[in-house]
Amino acid sequence: MSKVLKQLCVIILIQLLVVLTHSAKAEEVKDCFEKINRATFAFNMALDKVLFKPISKGYRYLPSPIRSGTSNALNNLSNLVTVPNNILQGDFKAAANNTARFFINSTIGILGLFDPAESLGLSRLEKEDYGQSFGKMGIGEGCYLVLPVLGPSTARDAIGSLVTMSGGDAWYNVTVKNNTTYVKESDYYYSKAMQGVDFRAKNLEAFDSLEKNSVDFYATVRSLYIQDRQRKIKNSKVKTDSMDDSDWDTLESQ
């Protein structure tokens, strides 16, 4: 049964990629499901106010070394998705850099808590994912989506997430898909939850300011998300307001 479902997902994926490729030249991303998206956005905002924002505020009170270590470890794990996408995009220099960073920081850096690779001249580069790789290939965004809990996305990025959970992320493979001795399924979900809290904590003030000054907060977030994804596909160095994922030392020195 699972084999049939996988085959069905592959067929749907191919069909969606064909559709998105034809729409790649569209100047604006269509909000095809705006009513549903707005309802989901309202749900996410309510959940943020009662859960994610309070946790993120508490996280900010943790000592700086704990926050930096957590952020470093999460960034180190992200290399397991970034490196395959560096290769898909033909950026072999970045792939070599990020592979070396992963092995050095996972060993000398104690599971990524510290970043000795930076001292060795291996700089931290931008994260990459399958949605960005599809964008590099010329595949269009498709319709804008707001996913429950996960937030803004597009059809292209949602398909990218499906690829991640279908073998494209080694961390997902060893925790969720396979029963291993040292890690378990919950470790994957804990890391993703911590990634969300860490990111939210880094952007508390910027997000609050954005919400306070927006006439239509939903439309503002949609616009910023699309701009941020386009920036990342072009490898622009410009940071998108309220979507800064720099390390804590950089943020606190600004």
C-alpha atoms as a PDB file:
ATOM      1  CA  MET A   1       0.000   0.000   0.000  1.00  0.00           C
ATOM      2  CA  SER A   2       2.806   2.408   0.928  1.00  0.00           C
ATOM      3  CA  LYS A   3       4.524   1.640  -2.383  1.00  0.00           C
ATOM      4  CA  VAL A   4       1.359   2.607  -4.287  1.00  0.00           C
ATOM      5  CA  LEU A   5       1.099   5.855  -2.292  1.00  0.00           C
ATOM      6  CA  LYS A   6       4.734   6.698  -3.055  1.00  0.00           C
ATOM      7  CA  GLN A   7       4.178   6.079  -6.758  1.00  0.00           C
ATOM      8  CA  LEU A   8       1.073   8.273  -6.667  1.00  0.00           C
ATOM      9  CA  CYS A   9       3.038  11.068  -4.952  1.00  0.00           C
ATOM     10  CA  VAL A  10       5.733  10.839  -7.617  1.00  0.00           C
ATOM     11  CA  ILE A  11       3.141  11.105 -10.423  1.00  0.00           C
ATOM     12  CA  ILE A  12       1.509  14.136  -8.752  1.00  0.00           C
ATOM     13  CA  LEU A  13       4.963  15.678  -8.191  1.00  0.00           C
ATOM     14  CA  ILE A  14       5.874  15.332 -11.882  1.00  0.00           C
ATOM     15  CA  GLN A  15       2.547  16.834 -12.970  1.00  0.00           C
ATOM     16  CA  LEU A  16       2.938  19.774 -10.594  1.00  0.00           C
ATOM     17  CA  LEU A  17       6.488  20.415 -11.746  1.00  0.00           C
ATOM     18  CA  VAL A  18       5.325  20.535 -15.363  1.00  0.00           C
ATOM     19  CA  VAL A  19       2.585  23.027 -14.462  1.00  0.00           C
ATOM     20  CA  LEU A  20       4.973  25.174 -12.420  1.00  0.00           C
ATOM     21  CA  THR A  21       7.569  25.218 -15.187  1.00  0.00           C
ATOM     22  CA  HIS A  22       5.017  26.678 -17.581  1.00  0.00           C
ATOM     23  CA  SER A  23       4.170  29.384 -15.047  1.00  0.00           C
ATOM     24  CA  ALA A  24       7.798  30.266 -14.254  1.00  0.00           C
ATOM     25  CA  LYS A  25       7.642  33.524 -16.201  1.00  0.00           C
ATOM     26  CA  ALA A  26       4.723  34.882 -14.220  1.00  0.00           C
ATOM     27  CA  GLU A  27       5.671  38.185 -12.593  1.00  0.00           C
ATOM     28  CA  GLU A  28       3.453  37.808  -9.532  1.00  0.00           C
ATOM     29  CA  VAL A  29       2.732  34.802  -7.351  1.00  0.00           C
ATOM     30  CA  LYS A  30      -0.999  34.152  -7.367  1.00  0.00           C
ATOM     31  CA  ASP A  31      -2.862  33.777  -4.093  1.00  0.00           C
ATOM     32  CA  CYS A  32      -5.207  31.106  -5.480  1.00  0.00           C
ATOM     33  CA  PHE A  33      -6.599  30.098  -2.079  1.00  0.00           C
ATOM     34  CA  GLU A  34      -6.684  33.478  -0.350  1.00  0.00           C
ATOM     35  CA  LYS A  35      -9.759  32.847   1.818  1.00  0.00           C
ATOM     36  CA  ILE A  36      -8.355  29.557   3.119  1.00  0.00           C
ATOM     37  CA  ASN A  37      -4.898  31.094   3.457  1.00  0.00           C
ATOM     38  CA  ARG A  38      -6.223  34.018   5.491  1.00  0.00           C
ATOM     39  CA  ALA A  39      -8.101  31.648   7.806  1.00  0.00           C
ATOM     40  CA  THR A  40      -4.961  29.531   8.267  1.00  0.00           C
ATOM     41  CA  PHE A  41      -2.896  32.688   8.833  1.00  0.00           C
ATOM     42  CA  ALA A  42      -5.326  33.801  11.578  1.00  0.00           C
ATOM     43  CA  PHE A  43      -5.028  30.359  13.206  1.00  0.00           C
ATOM     44  CA  ASN A  44      -1.218  30.522  13.038  1.00  0.00           C
ATOM     45  CA  MET A  45      -1.170  34.021  14.539  1.00  0.00           C
ATOM     46  CA  ALA A  46      -3.401  32.906  17.419  1.00  0.00           C
ATOM     47  CA  LEU A  47      -1.120  29.910  18.020  1.00  0.00           C
ATOM     48  CA  ASP A  48       1.914  32.195  17.895  1.00  0.00           C
ATOM     49  CA  LYS A  49       0.459  34.532  20.513  1.00  0.00           C
ATOM     50  CA  VAL A  50      -0.358  31.777  23.008  1.00  0.00           C
ATOM     51  CA  LEU A  51       2.568  29.435  22.364  1.00  0.00           C
ATOM     52  CA  PHE A  52       5.486  30.365  20.106  1.00  0.00           C
ATOM     53  CA  LYS A  53       5.902  34.018  21.082  1.00  0.00           C
ATOM     54  CA  PRO A  54       5.927  33.394  24.872  1.00  0.00           C
ATOM     55  CA  ILE A  55       8.377  30.490  24.445  1.00  0.00           C
ATOM     56  CA  SER A  56      10.586  32.627  22.191  1.00  0.00           C
ATOM     57  CA  LYS A  57      10.580  35.452  24.754  1.00  0.00           C
ATOM     58  CA  GLY A  58      11.653  32.984  27.444  1.00  0.00           C
ATOM     59  CA  TYR A  59      14.332  31.625  25.123  1.00  0.00           C
ATOM     60  CA  ARG A  60      15.806  35.135  24.828  1.00  0.00           C
ATOM     61  CA  TYR A  61      16.500  35.086  28.600  1.00  0.00           C
ATOM     62  CA  LEU A  62      18.758  32.052  28.303  1.00  0.00           C
ATOM     63  CA  PRO A  63      22.509  32.789  28.610  1.00  0.00           C
ATOM     64  CA  SER A  64      24.096  33.791  25.318  1.00  0.00           C
ATOM     65  CA  PRO A  65      26.357  30.678  25.119  1.00  0.00           C
ATOM     66  CA  ILE A  66      23.290  28.400  25.320  1.00  0.00           C
ATOM     67  CA  ARG A  67      21.445  30.292  22.582  1.00  0.00           C
ATOM     68  CA  SER A  68      24.553  30.426  20.388  1.00  0.00           C
ATOM     69  CA  GLY A  69      25.269  26.731  20.910  1.00  0.00           C
ATOM     70  CA  THR A  70      21.690  25.757  20.083  1.00  0.00           C
ATOM     71  CA  SER A  71      21.679  27.929  16.970  1.00  0.00           C
ATOM     72  CA  ASN A  72      25.062  26.514  15.892  1.00  0.00           C
ATOM     73  CA  ALA A  73      23.862  22.919  16.303  1.00  0.00           C
ATOM     74  CA  LEU A  74      20.676  23.586  14.330  1.00  0.00           C
ATOM     75  CA  ASN A  75      22.645  25.307  11.577  1.00  0.00           C
ATOM     76  CA  ASN A  76      25.035  22.359  11.472  1.00  0.00           C
ATOM     77  CA  LEU A  77      22.129  19.935  10.940  1.00  0.00           C
ATOM     78  CA  SER A  78      20.780  22.120   8.125  1.00  0.00           C
ATOM     79  CA  ASN A  79      23.926  21.279   6.118  1.00  0.00           C
ATOM     80  CA  LEU A  80      22.437  17.824   5.538  1.00  0.00           C
ATOM     81  CA  VAL A  81      19.871  19.503   3.276  1.00  0.00           C
ATOM     82  CA  THR A  82      22.062  22.380   2.105  1.00  0.00           C
ATOM     83  CA  VAL A  83      24.897  20.236   0.690  1.00  0.00           C
ATOM     84  CA  PRO A  84      22.698  18.136  -1.676  1.00  0.00           C
ATOM     85  CA  ASN A  85      21.129  21.366  -2.921  1.00  0.00           C
ATOM     86  CA  ASN A  86      24.537  23.006  -3.422  1.00  0.00           C
ATOM     87  CA  ILE A  87      25.310  20.058  -5.701  1.00  0.00           C
ATOM     88  CA  LEU A  88      21.942  20.263  -7.491  1.00  0.00           C
ATOM     89  CA  GLN A  89      22.606  23.945  -8.168  1.00  0.00           C
ATOM     90  CA  GLY A  90      26.102  23.209  -9.472  1.00  0.00           C
ATOM     91  CA  ASP A  91      27.790  25.129  -6.647  1.00  0.00           C
ATOM     92  CA  PHE A  92      30.455  22.535  -5.857  1.00  0.00           C
ATOM     93  CA  LYS A  93      32.679  25.004  -4.004  1.00  0.00           C
ATOM     94  CA  ALA A  94      29.872  25.737  -1.516  1.00  0.00           C
ATOM     95  CA  ALA A  95      29.122  21.995  -1.272  1.00  0.00           C
ATOM     96  CA  ALA A  96      32.764  21.284  -0.338  1.00  0.00           C
ATOM     97  CA  ASN A  97      32.780  24.168   2.167  1.00  0.00           C
ATOM     98  CA  ASN A  98      29.566  23.043   3.860  1.00  0.00           C
ATOM     99  CA  THR A  99      30.577  19.368   3.896  1.00  0.00           C
ATOM    100  CA  ALA A 100      33.866  20.245   5.595  1.00  0.00           C
ATOM    101  CA  ARG A 101      32.032  22.499   8.059  1.00  0.00           C
ATOM    102  CA  PHE A 102      29.623  19.683   8.942  1.00  0.00           C
ATOM    103  CA  PHE A 103      32.353  17.133   9.691  1.00  0.00           C
ATOM    104  CA  ILE A 104      34.584  19.561  11.597  1.00  0.00           C
ATOM    105  CA  ASN A 105      31.768  21.064  13.672  1.00  0.00           C
ATOM    106  CA  SER A 106      30.156  17.657  14.330  1.00  0.00           C
ATOM    107  CA  THR A 107      33.429  16.309  15.765  1.00  0.00           C
ATOM    108  CA  ILE A 108      35.739  19.037  17.064  1.00  0.00           C
ATOM    109  CA  GLY A 109      32.730  21.317  17.582  1.00  0.00           C
ATOM    110  CA  ILE A 110      30.923  18.702  19.741  1.00  0.00           C
ATOM    111  CA  LEU A 111      27.855  17.896  17.612  1.00  0.00           C
ATOM    112  CA  GLY A 112      27.821  21.405  16.171  1.00  0.00           C
ATOM    113  CA  LEU A 113      27.521  23.300  19.461  1.00  0.00           C
ATOM    114  CA  PHE A 114      30.675  25.227  18.552  1.00  0.00           C
ATOM    115  CA  ASP A 115      31.903  26.511  15.188  1.00  0.00           C
ATOM    116  CA  PRO A 116      35.657  25.796  14.933  1.00  0.00           C
ATOM    117  CA  ALA A 117      35.274  25.561  11.134  1.00  0.00           C
ATOM    118  CA  GLU A 118      34.858  29.343  11.013  1.00  0.00           C
ATOM    119  CA  SER A 119      38.278  29.768  12.637  1.00  0.00           C
ATOM    120  CA  LEU A 120      39.744  27.481   9.969  1.00  0.00           C
ATOM    121  CA  GLY A 121      38.502  29.758   7.198  1.00  0.00           C
ATOM    122  CA  LEU A 122      35.341  27.823   6.345  1.00  0.00           C
ATOM    123  CA  SER A 123      32.686  30.545   6.453  1.00  0.00           C
ATOM    124  CA  ARG A 124      29.041  29.931   7.208  1.00  0.00           C
ATOM    125  CA  LEU A 125      27.118  30.225   3.948  1.00  0.00           C
ATOM    126  CA  GLU A 126      23.407  30.675   3.218  1.00  0.00           C
ATOM    127  CA  LYS A 127      21.159  27.666   3.731  1.00  0.00           C
ATOM    128  CA  GLU A 128      19.755  26.000   0.622  1.00  0.00           C
ATOM    129  CA  ASP A 129      16.695  23.789   0.156  1.00  0.00           C
ATOM    130  CA  TYR A 130      14.880  21.919  -2.602  1.00  0.00           C
ATOM    131  CA  GLY A 131      12.434  24.770  -3.208  1.00  0.00           C
ATOM    132  CA  GLN A 132      15.388  27.051  -3.971  1.00  0.00           C
ATOM    133  CA  SER A 133      16.922  24.421  -6.253  1.00  0.00           C
ATOM    134  CA  PHE A 134      13.640  24.156  -8.173  1.00  0.00           C
ATOM    135  CA  GLY A 135      13.679  27.950  -8.493  1.00  0.00           C
ATOM    136  CA  LYS A 136      17.221  27.822  -9.871  1.00  0.00           C
ATOM    137  CA  MET A 137      15.970  25.316 -12.454  1.00  0.00           C
ATOM    138  CA  GLY A 138      13.422  27.868 -13.656  1.00  0.00           C
ATOM    139  CA  ILE A 139      10.377  26.300 -12.030  1.00  0.00           C
ATOM    140  CA  GLY A 140       7.808  28.911 -10.994  1.00  0.00           C
ATOM    141  CA  GLU A 141       6.430  29.377  -7.496  1.00  0.00           C
ATOM    142  CA  GLY A 142       2.902  28.268  -8.303  1.00  0.00           C
ATOM    143  CA  CYS A 143       0.185  29.421  -5.902  1.00  0.00           C
ATOM    144  CA  TYR A 144       0.978  31.043  -2.568  1.00  0.00           C
ATOM    145  CA  LEU A 145       0.075  28.852   0.403  1.00  0.00           C
ATOM    146  CA  VAL A 146      -0.171  29.255   4.158  1.00  0.00           C
ATOM    147  CA  LEU A 147       0.382  25.940   5.920  1.00  0.00           C
ATOM    148  CA  PRO A 148      -0.966  25.251   9.423  1.00  0.00           C
ATOM    149  CA  VAL A 149       1.762  25.873  12.050  1.00  0.00           C
ATOM    150  CA  LEU A 150       4.519  25.937   9.360  1.00  0.00           C
ATOM    151  CA  GLY A 151       3.401  29.276   7.890  1.00  0.00           C
ATOM    152  CA  PRO A 152       4.026  30.855   4.451  1.00  0.00           C
ATOM    153  CA  SER A 153       4.956  28.669   1.488  1.00  0.00           C
ATOM    154  CA  THR A 154       4.276  28.219  -2.221  1.00  0.00           C
ATOM    155  CA  ALA A 155       3.359  25.175  -4.281  1.00  0.00           C
ATOM    156  CA  ARG A 156       6.991  24.895  -5.336  1.00  0.00           C
ATOM    157  CA  ASP A 157       8.304  25.114  -1.776  1.00  0.00           C
ATOM    158  CA  ALA A 158       5.682  22.631  -0.539  1.00  0.00           C
ATOM    159  CA  ILE A 159       6.875  20.135  -3.156  1.00  0.00           C
ATOM    160  CA  GLY A 160      10.429  20.855  -2.006  1.00  0.00           C
ATOM    161  CA  SER A 161       9.386  19.935   1.538  1.00  0.00           C
ATOM    162  CA  LEU A 162       7.879  16.706   0.217  1.00  0.00           C
ATOM    163  CA  VAL A 163      11.218  15.863  -1.417  1.00  0.00           C
ATOM    164  CA  THR A 164      12.973  16.566   1.902  1.00  0.00           C
ATOM    165  CA  MET A 165      10.724  14.041   3.649  1.00  0.00           C
ATOM    166  CA  SER A 166      11.077  11.497   0.850  1.00  0.00           C
ATOM    167  CA  GLY A 167      14.781  10.862   1.276  1.00  0.00           C
ATOM    168  CA  GLY A 168      16.265  14.316   0.685  1.00  0.00           C
ATOM    169  CA  ASP A 169      17.267  14.954   4.299  1.00  0.00           C
ATOM    170  CA  ALA A 170      19.712  12.568   5.972  1.00  0.00           C
ATOM    171  CA  TRP A 171      18.640  13.782   9.447  1.00  0.00           C
ATOM    172  CA  TYR A 172      15.001  12.906   8.668  1.00  0.00           C
ATOM    173  CA  ASN A 173      16.096   9.556   7.251  1.00  0.00           C
ATOM    174  CA  VAL A 174      18.023   8.422  10.349  1.00  0.00           C
ATOM    175  CA  THR A 175      15.451   9.677  12.869  1.00  0.00           C
ATOM    176  CA  VAL A 176      11.992   9.239  11.343  1.00  0.00           C
ATOM    177  CA  LYS A 177      12.359   6.750   8.487  1.00  0.00           C
ATOM    178  CA  ASN A 178      14.829   4.369  10.152  1.00  0.00           C
ATOM    179  CA  ASN A 179      14.967   2.841  13.608  1.00  0.00           C
ATOM    180  CA  THR A 180      18.489   3.648  14.787  1.00  0.00           C
ATOM    181  CA  THR A 181      20.262   3.033  18.080  1.00  0.00           C
ATOM    182  CA  TYR A 182      21.392   6.559  18.905  1.00  0.00           C
ATOM    183  CA  VAL A 183      18.558   8.782  17.674  1.00  0.00           C
ATOM    184  CA  LYS A 184      14.789   8.458  17.583  1.00  0.00           C
ATOM    185  CA  GLU A 185      11.855  10.002  15.695  1.00  0.00           C
ATOM    186  CA  SER A 186      11.144  12.605  18.372  1.00  0.00           C
ATOM    187  CA  ASP A 187      14.682  14.013  17.973  1.00  0.00           C
ATOM    188  CA  TYR A 188      13.795  15.208  14.478  1.00  0.00           C
ATOM    189  CA  TYR A 189      10.623  16.977  15.613  1.00  0.00           C
ATOM    190  CA  TYR A 190      12.364  18.486  18.660  1.00  0.00           C
ATOM    191  CA  SER A 191      15.048  19.926  16.374  1.00  0.00           C
ATOM    192  CA  LYS A 192      12.432  21.399  14.027  1.00  0.00           C
ATOM    193  CA  ALA A 193      10.499  22.911  16.944  1.00  0.00           C
ATOM    194  CA  MET A 194      13.708  24.420  18.333  1.00  0.00           C
ATOM    195  CA  GLN A 195      14.549  25.765  14.874  1.00  0.00           C
ATOM    196  CA  GLY A 196      11.209  27.584  14.843  1.00  0.00           C
ATOM    197  CA  VAL A 197      11.693  28.987  18.359  1.00  0.00           C
ATOM    198  CA  ASP A 198      15.269  30.096  17.598  1.00  0.00           C
ATOM    199  CA  PHE A 199      14.176  31.857  14.404  1.00  0.00           C
ATOM    200  CA  ARG A 200      11.175  33.494  16.118  1.00  0.00           C
ATOM    201  CA  ALA A 201      13.361  34.724  18.989  1.00  0.00           C
ATOM    202  CA  LYS A 202      15.823  36.321  16.560  1.00  0.00           C
ATOM    203  CA  ASN A 203      13.006  38.322  14.949  1.00  0.00           C
ATOM    204  CA  LEU A 204      10.773  39.243  17.907  1.00  0.00           C
ATOM    205  CA  GLU A 205      11.089  43.021  17.660  1.00  0.00           C
ATOM    206  CA  ALA A 206      11.125  43.124  13.849  1.00  0.00           C
ATOM    207  CA  PHE A 207       7.999  40.966  13.640  1.00  0.00           C
ATOM    208  CA  ASP A 208       6.144  43.001  16.277  1.00  0.00           C
ATOM    209  CA  SER A 209       7.040  46.245  14.476  1.00  0.00           C
ATOM    210  CA  LEU A 210       5.898  44.786  11.181  1.00  0.00           C
ATOM    211  CA  GLU A 211       2.551  43.746  12.648  1.00  0.00           C
ATOM    212  CA  LYS A 212       2.044  47.115  14.337  1.00  0.00           C
ATOM    213  CA  ASN A 213       2.748  49.139  11.180  1.00  0.00           C
ATOM    214  CA  SER A 214       0.942  46.976   8.625  1.00  0.00           C
ATOM    215  CA  VAL A 215      -2.478  47.914   7.278  1.00  0.00           C
ATOM    216  CA  ASP A 216      -2.960  44.346   6.055  1.00  0.00           C
ATOM    217  CA  PHE A 217      -0.561  42.127   7.999  1.00  0.00           C
ATOM    218  CA  TYR A 218      -1.416  39.016   5.956  1.00  0.00           C
ATOM    219  CA  ALA A 219      -0.537  40.772   2.682  1.00  0.00           C
ATOM    220  CA  THR A 220       2.672  42.175   4.182  1.00  0.00           C
ATOM    221  CA  VAL A 221       3.880  38.746   5.344  1.00  0.00           C
ATOM    222  CA  ARG A 222       2.984  37.245   1.959  1.00  0.00           C
ATOM    223  CA  SER A 223       4.964  39.925   0.131  1.00  0.00           C
ATOM    224  CA  LEU A 224       7.997  39.601   2.428  1.00  0.00           C
ATOM    225  CA  TYR A 225       8.034  35.813   2.174  1.00  0.00           C
ATOM    226  CA  ILE A 226       7.985  35.881  -1.631  1.00  0.00           C
ATOM    227  CA  GLN A 227      10.696  38.571  -1.691  1.00  0.00           C
ATOM    228  CA  ASP A 228      12.820  36.563   0.733  1.00  0.00           C
ATOM    229  CA  ARG A 229      12.541  33.383  -1.360  1.00  0.00           C
ATOM    230  CA  GLN A 230      13.447  35.273  -4.538  1.00  0.00           C
ATOM    231  CA  ARG A 231      16.418  36.837  -2.740  1.00  0.00           C
ATOM    232  CA  LYS A 232      17.654  33.427  -1.606  1.00  0.00           C
ATOM    233  CA  ILE A 233      17.316  31.921  -5.080  1.00  0.00           C
ATOM    234  CA  LYS A 234      19.441  34.785  -6.454  1.00  0.00           C
ATOM    235  CA  ASN A 235      21.908  34.378  -3.533  1.00  0.00           C
ATOM    236  CA  SER A 236      21.487  38.037  -2.640  1.00  0.00           C
ATOM    237  CA  LYS A 237      23.287  39.235   0.510  1.00  0.00           C
ATOM    238  CA  VAL A 238      20.409  41.546   1.461  1.00  0.00           C
ATOM    239  CA  LYS A 239      18.517  40.437   4.576  1.00  0.00           C
ATOM    240  CA  THR A 240      14.723  40.475   4.508  1.00  0.00           C
ATOM    241  CA  ASP A 241      13.120  42.378   7.380  1.00  0.00           C
ATOM    242  CA  SER A 242      11.776  40.043  10.127  1.00  0.00           C
ATOM    243  CA  MET A 243      13.350  36.981   8.428  1.00  0.00           C
ATOM    244  CA  ASP A 244      16.954  37.248   9.650  1.00  0.00           C
ATOM    245  CA  ASP A 245      18.535  33.907  10.597  1.00  0.00           C
ATOM    246  CA  SER A 246      22.062  35.167  11.315  1.00  0.00           C
ATOM    247  CA  ASP A 247      23.983  33.769  14.269  1.00  0.00           C
ATOM    248  CA  TRP A 248      23.315  35.315  17.687  1.00  0.00           C
ATOM    249  CA  ASP A 249      26.741  36.972  17.970  1.00  0.00           C
ATOM    250  CA  THR A 250      26.105  38.880  14.711  1.00  0.00           C
ATOM    251  CA  LEU A 251      22.578  39.911  15.754  1.00  0.00           C
ATOM    252  CA  GLU A 252      23.644  41.088  19.216  1.00  0.00           C
ATOM    253  CA  SER A 253      26.518  43.159  17.807  1.00  0.00           C
ATOM    254  CA  GLN A 254      24.211  45.107  15.459  1.00  0.00           C
END
